[in-house]
C-alpha atoms as a PDB file:
ATOM      1  CA  MET A   1      49.599 -20.407  -3.205  1.00  0.00           C
ATOM      2  CA  GLU A   2      49.070 -19.773   0.478  1.00  0.00           C
ATOM      3  CA  ASN A   3      45.825 -20.583   2.248  1.00  0.00           C
ATOM      4  CA  GLU A   4      43.902 -17.384   2.799  1.00  0.00           C
ATOM      5  CA  LEU A   5      42.267 -17.099   6.173  1.00  0.00           C
ATOM      6  CA  VAL A   6      39.190 -14.999   6.758  1.00  0.00           C
ATOM      7  CA  THR A   7      39.626 -12.657   9.670  1.00  0.00           C
ATOM      8  CA  ASP A   8      36.973 -11.983  12.283  1.00  0.00           C
ATOM      9  CA  GLU A   9      36.580  -8.470  10.868  1.00  0.00           C
ATOM     10  CA  GLN A  10      35.934  -9.887   7.402  1.00  0.00           C
ATOM     11  CA  ARG A  11      33.398 -12.362   8.780  1.00  0.00           C
ATOM     12  CA  LYS A  12      31.618  -9.502  10.515  1.00  0.00           C
ATOM     13  CA  ARG A  13      31.490  -7.500   7.266  1.00  0.00           C
ATOM     14  CA  ILE A  14      30.153 -10.516   5.376  1.00  0.00           C
ATOM     15  CA  LYS A  15      27.390 -10.970   7.981  1.00  0.00           C
ATOM     16  CA  GLU A  16      26.512  -7.266   7.793  1.00  0.00           C
ATOM     17  CA  PHE A  17      26.321  -7.494   4.010  1.00  0.00           C
ATOM     18  CA  GLN A  18      24.116 -10.596   4.190  1.00  0.00           C
ATOM     19  CA  SER A  19      21.804  -8.851   6.636  1.00  0.00           C
ATOM     20  CA  LEU A  20      21.571  -5.733   4.473  1.00  0.00           C
ATOM     21  CA  TYR A  21      21.015  -7.814   1.321  1.00  0.00           C
ATOM     22  CA  TYR A  22      18.161  -9.701   2.981  1.00  0.00           C
ATOM     23  CA  GLU A  23      16.529  -6.512   4.250  1.00  0.00           C
ATOM     24  CA  LEU A  24      16.695  -4.894   0.831  1.00  0.00           C
ATOM     25  CA  ASN A  25      15.537  -7.954  -1.085  1.00  0.00           C
ATOM     26  CA  ALA A  26      13.132  -9.681   1.276  1.00  0.00           C
ATOM     27  CA  ARG A  27       9.733  -9.749  -0.321  1.00  0.00           C
ATOM     28  CA  PRO A  28       6.878  -9.063   2.053  1.00  0.00           C
ATOM     29  CA  ASP A  29       3.760 -11.187   2.189  1.00  0.00           C
ATOM     30  CA  THR A  30       0.590  -9.655   0.805  1.00  0.00           C
ATOM     31  CA  ILE A  31      -3.036 -10.074   1.732  1.00  0.00           C
ATOM     32  CA  THR A  32      -5.862  -8.561  -0.315  1.00  0.00           C
ATOM     33  CA  LYS A  33      -9.488  -8.232   0.696  1.00  0.00           C
ATOM     34  CA  LEU A  34     -12.237  -7.355  -1.777  1.00  0.00           C
ATOM     35  CA  PHE A  35     -15.547  -5.734  -0.890  1.00  0.00           C
ATOM     36  CA  SER A  36     -18.451  -5.177  -3.273  1.00  0.00           C
ATOM     37  CA  ASN A  37     -20.510  -2.956  -0.999  1.00  0.00           C
ATOM     38  CA  LYS A  38     -21.904   0.140  -2.656  1.00  0.00           C
ATOM     39  CA  VAL A  39     -21.037   3.069  -0.405  1.00  0.00           C
ATOM     40  CA  ILE A  40     -21.292   6.810  -0.497  1.00  0.00           C
ATOM     41  CA  LEU A  41     -18.260   8.421   1.069  1.00  0.00           C
ATOM     42  CA  GLU A  42     -17.717  11.823   2.524  1.00  0.00           C
ATOM     43  CA  MET A  43     -14.423  13.472   3.430  1.00  0.00           C
ATOM     44  CA  SER A  44     -15.101  12.729   7.103  1.00  0.00           C
ATOM     45  CA  ASP A  45     -15.228   8.972   6.301  1.00  0.00           C
ATOM     46  CA  ILE A  46     -11.758   9.083   4.773  1.00  0.00           C
ATOM     47  CA  LEU A  47     -10.376  11.080   7.699  1.00  0.00           C
ATOM     48  CA  THR A  48     -11.961   8.584  10.119  1.00  0.00           C
ATOM     49  CA  LEU A  49     -10.229   5.751   8.254  1.00  0.00           C
ATOM     50  CA  GLU A  50      -6.924   7.655   8.597  1.00  0.00           C
ATOM     51  CA  ASP A  51      -7.492   7.960  12.360  1.00  0.00           C
ATOM     52  CA  MET A  52      -8.315   4.238  12.643  1.00  0.00           C
ATOM     53  CA  ILE A  53      -5.065   3.308  10.862  1.00  0.00           C
ATOM     54  CA  LYS A  54      -3.085   5.616  13.154  1.00  0.00           C
ATOM     55  CA  GLU A  55      -4.704   4.031  16.226  1.00  0.00           C
ATOM     56  CA  LYS A  56      -3.835   0.530  14.995  1.00  0.00           C
ATOM     57  CA  LEU A  57      -0.214   1.522  14.372  1.00  0.00           C
ATOM     58  CA  ALA A  58       0.035   3.161  17.778  1.00  0.00           C
ATOM     59  CA  LEU A  59      -0.318  -0.347  19.250  1.00  0.00           C
ATOM     60  CA  HIS A  60       2.967  -1.341  17.617  1.00  0.00           C
ATOM     61  CA  SER A  61       6.447   0.019  18.027  1.00  0.00           C
ATOM     62  CA  LYS A  62       7.027   2.229  15.019  1.00  0.00           C
ATOM     63  CA  GLU A  63      10.124   4.015  13.797  1.00  0.00           C
ATOM     64  CA  GLY A  64       9.897   7.793  13.615  1.00  0.00           C
ATOM     65  CA  GLN A  65       6.604   9.338  12.701  1.00  0.00           C
ATOM     66  CA  PHE A  66       3.478   7.618  11.406  1.00  0.00           C
ATOM     67  CA  GLY A  67       5.036   7.280   7.973  1.00  0.00           C
ATOM     68  CA  LYS A  68       3.655   8.633   4.765  1.00  0.00           C
ATOM     69  CA  THR A  69       0.055   8.733   3.639  1.00  0.00           C
ATOM     70  CA  SER A  70      -0.524   9.552  -0.012  1.00  0.00           C
ATOM     71  CA  VAL A  71      -3.779   9.941  -1.917  1.00  0.00           C
ATOM     72  CA  THR A  72      -4.530   9.583  -5.630  1.00  0.00           C
ATOM     73  CA  VAL A  73      -7.872  10.678  -7.052  1.00  0.00           C
ATOM     74  CA  ALA A  74      -9.117   9.878 -10.575  1.00  0.00           C
ATOM     75  CA  THR A  75     -12.127  11.697 -12.028  1.00  0.00           C
ATOM     76  CA  ASN A  76     -14.606  11.033 -14.823  1.00  0.00           C
ATOM     77  CA  LYS A  77     -12.881  13.777 -16.876  1.00  0.00           C
ATOM     78  CA  HIS A  78      -9.713  11.619 -17.077  1.00  0.00           C
ATOM     79  CA  LYS A  79      -7.848  13.779 -14.584  1.00  0.00           C
ATOM     80  CA  VAL A  80      -5.643  12.331 -11.871  1.00  0.00           C
ATOM     81  CA  TYR A  81      -4.748  14.268  -8.727  1.00  0.00           C
ATOM     82  CA  ASP A  82      -1.820  13.054  -6.602  1.00  0.00           C
ATOM     83  CA  PHE A  83      -1.359  14.270  -3.045  1.00  0.00           C
ATOM     84  CA  ASP A  84       1.787  13.432  -1.081  1.00  0.00           C
ATOM     85  CA  ASP A  85      -0.015  14.024   2.188  1.00  0.00           C
ATOM     86  CA  ILE A  86      -3.576  13.415   3.356  1.00  0.00           C
ATOM     87  CA  GLU A  87      -3.750  16.974   4.713  1.00  0.00           C
ATOM     88  CA  LEU A  88      -3.171  18.359   1.204  1.00  0.00           C
ATOM     89  CA  PHE A  89      -5.950  16.095  -0.082  1.00  0.00           C
ATOM     90  CA  HIS A  90      -8.259  17.298   2.688  1.00  0.00           C
ATOM     91  CA  ALA A  91      -7.446  20.969   2.063  1.00  0.00           C
ATOM     92  CA  TYR A  92      -8.011  20.786  -1.716  1.00  0.00           C
ATOM     93  CA  ASN A  93     -11.079  22.645  -3.027  1.00  0.00           C
ATOM     94  CA  TRP A  94     -13.247  19.816  -4.399  1.00  0.00           C
ATOM     95  CA  ASN A  95     -16.018  22.082  -5.728  1.00  0.00           C
ATOM     96  CA  SER A  96     -16.049  20.874  -9.320  1.00  0.00           C
ATOM     97  CA  SER A  97     -18.393  19.440 -11.927  1.00  0.00           C
ATOM     98  CA  GLU A  98     -16.169  16.359 -12.129  1.00  0.00           C
ATOM     99  CA  SER A  99     -17.201  13.233 -10.320  1.00  0.00           C
ATOM    100  CA  ILE A 100     -14.659  11.061  -8.555  1.00  0.00           C
ATOM    101  CA  GLU A 101     -14.240   7.602 -10.094  1.00  0.00           C
ATOM    102  CA  CYS A 102     -11.546   6.274  -7.775  1.00  0.00           C
ATOM    103  CA  ILE A 103      -9.571   7.207  -4.656  1.00  0.00           C
ATOM    104  CA  ILE A 104      -6.437   5.299  -3.712  1.00  0.00           C
ATOM    105  CA  LEU A 105      -5.078   5.812  -0.196  1.00  0.00           C
ATOM    106  CA  THR A 106      -1.598   4.481   0.621  1.00  0.00           C
ATOM    107  CA  TRP A 107      -0.042   4.248   4.077  1.00  0.00           C
ATOM    108  CA  ASP A 108       3.687   3.504   3.926  1.00  0.00           C
ATOM    109  CA  PHE A 109       5.381   2.977   7.301  1.00  0.00           C
ATOM    110  CA  TYR A 110       8.184   1.194   9.128  1.00  0.00           C
ATOM    111  CA  ILE A 111       7.614  -1.015  12.164  1.00  0.00           C
ATOM    112  CA  VAL A 112      10.218  -2.425  14.545  1.00  0.00           C
ATOM    113  CA  ILE A 113       9.685  -6.194  14.643  1.00  0.00           C
ATOM    114  CA  SER A 114      11.380  -8.646  16.986  1.00  0.00           C
ATOM    115  CA  GLY A 115      13.907 -10.772  15.152  1.00  0.00           C
ATOM    116  CA  TYR A 116      14.869  -7.966  12.769  1.00  0.00           C
ATOM    117  CA  GLU A 117      17.674  -5.558  13.494  1.00  0.00           C
ATOM    118  CA  ASN A 118      16.157  -2.677  11.512  1.00  0.00           C
ATOM    119  CA  PRO A 119      12.547  -1.450  11.171  1.00  0.00           C
ATOM    120  CA  GLN A 120      10.618  -3.274   8.447  1.00  0.00           C
ATOM    121  CA  ARG A 121       8.531  -1.583   5.781  1.00  0.00           C
ATOM    122  CA  HIS A 122       4.806  -2.221   5.660  1.00  0.00           C
ATOM    123  CA  LYS A 123       2.356  -0.765   3.175  1.00  0.00           C
ATOM    124  CA  LEU A 124      -1.445  -0.583   3.212  1.00  0.00           C
ATOM    125  CA  THR A 125      -3.292   0.435   0.065  1.00  0.00           C
ATOM    126  CA  VAL A 126      -7.049   1.012  -0.006  1.00  0.00           C
ATOM    127  CA  LYS A 127      -8.799   1.614  -3.307  1.00  0.00           C
ATOM    128  CA  LEU A 128     -12.283   3.106  -3.199  1.00  0.00           C
ATOM    129  CA  SER A 129     -13.991   3.087  -6.589  1.00  0.00           C
ATOM    130  CA  SER A 130     -17.229   2.854  -8.465  1.00  0.00           C
ATOM    131  CA  GLY A 131     -16.116  -0.508  -9.908  1.00  0.00           C
ATOM    132  CA  LEU A 132     -15.465  -1.316 -13.553  1.00  0.00           C
ATOM    133  CA  ARG A 133     -17.381   0.384 -16.314  1.00  0.00           C
ATOM    134  CA  PRO A 134     -18.763  -1.962 -19.033  1.00  0.00           C
ATOM    135  CA  GLU A 135     -16.215  -0.728 -21.596  1.00  0.00           C
ATOM    136  CA  GLU A 136     -13.380  -1.583 -19.169  1.00  0.00           C
ATOM    137  CA  VAL A 137     -14.696  -5.149 -18.770  1.00  0.00           C
ATOM    138  CA  ILE A 138     -14.857  -5.600 -22.553  1.00  0.00           C
ATOM    139  CA  SER A 139     -11.328  -4.213 -22.919  1.00  0.00           C
ATOM    140  CA  LEU A 140     -10.030  -6.659 -20.311  1.00  0.00           C
ATOM    141  CA  ILE A 141     -11.725  -9.604 -22.021  1.00  0.00           C
ATOM    142  CA  PHE A 142     -10.383  -8.704 -25.467  1.00  0.00           C
ATOM    143  CA  SER A 143      -6.868  -8.028 -24.194  1.00  0.00           C
ATOM    144  CA  GLY A 144      -6.281 -11.776 -24.342  1.00  0.00           C
ATOM    145  CA  LYS A 145      -4.097 -11.763 -21.239  1.00  0.00           C
ATOM    146  CA  LEU A 146      -5.113 -14.404 -18.723  1.00  0.00           C
ATOM    147  CA  GLU A 147      -3.820 -12.355 -15.773  1.00  0.00           C
ATOM    148  CA  ASP A 148      -6.022  -9.416 -16.873  1.00  0.00           C
ATOM    149  CA  VAL A 149      -9.149 -11.598 -17.000  1.00  0.00           C
ATOM    150  CA  GLN A 150      -8.311 -13.148 -13.613  1.00  0.00           C
ATOM    151  CA  SER A 151      -7.983  -9.682 -12.081  1.00  0.00           C
ATOM    152  CA  ILE A 152     -11.542  -8.696 -13.036  1.00  0.00           C
ATOM    153  CA  ASP A 153     -12.810  -9.600  -9.536  1.00  0.00           C
ATOM    154  CA  ALA A 154     -10.271  -7.273  -7.921  1.00  0.00           C
ATOM    155  CA  GLN A 155     -10.930  -4.497 -10.400  1.00  0.00           C
ATOM    156  CA  GLN A 156     -14.695  -4.877 -10.182  1.00  0.00           C
ATOM    157  CA  ALA A 157     -14.748  -4.595  -6.378  1.00  0.00           C
ATOM    158  CA  THR A 158     -15.733  -1.181  -5.094  1.00  0.00           C
ATOM    159  CA  ILE A 159     -13.322  -1.409  -2.158  1.00  0.00           C
ATOM    160  CA  VAL A 160      -9.966  -3.195  -2.284  1.00  0.00           C
ATOM    161  CA  ALA A 161      -7.634  -3.318   0.719  1.00  0.00           C
ATOM    162  CA  GLN A 162      -4.117  -4.675   0.184  1.00  0.00           C
ATOM    163  CA  MET A 163      -1.496  -5.021   2.889  1.00  0.00           C
ATOM    164  CA  ASP A 164       2.182  -5.765   2.249  1.00  0.00           C
ATOM    165  CA  PHE A 165       3.563  -6.993   5.568  1.00  0.00           C
ATOM    166  CA  ILE A 166       6.393  -8.713   7.362  1.00  0.00           C
ATOM    167  CA  ASP A 167       4.513  -9.143  10.655  1.00  0.00           C
ATOM    168  CA  ASN A 168       1.426 -11.357  10.229  1.00  0.00           C
ATOM    169  CA  LEU A 169      -0.404  -9.563  13.051  1.00  0.00           C
ATOM    170  CA  LEU A 170      -0.291  -6.335  11.064  1.00  0.00           C
ATOM    171  CA  GLY A 171      -1.210  -8.136   7.858  1.00  0.00           C
ATOM    172  CA  THR A 172      -4.502  -9.340   9.190  1.00  0.00           C
END
């Protein structure tokens, strides 16, 4: 059997594949901050938060537009509203007898980072809630799953901010 030699073209393709594989499978770091402050929010507070995130991202080189901001709202009537865009959330008629139990805001965006050939995905999720209800705490305790009991702190917090990041500066 003859010795097979790898051509320069084949080496290049292997390197491209390795780079693509890493980009698709690299797991970002995550930082989570919990806040137990009791707050009363208005729509203007959420829109101000959106503006603050946009200002922070404007300091970094970003690919394309701002990215995607989605909003999920859960009510006390066991209804969940999903909005693919913060403008749709803002425009929705919220005159209802339902009270809002939880709002989850997600910013999903790509940032160009030195050392990476392609833009890297970053994701910020902010959960604003009224905390856990007593029946939810009891359910978690009786579930018997250690990871559920350990997550009580995160679930009990009224505000949870979680950032999946490649660039540590953005993470903090």
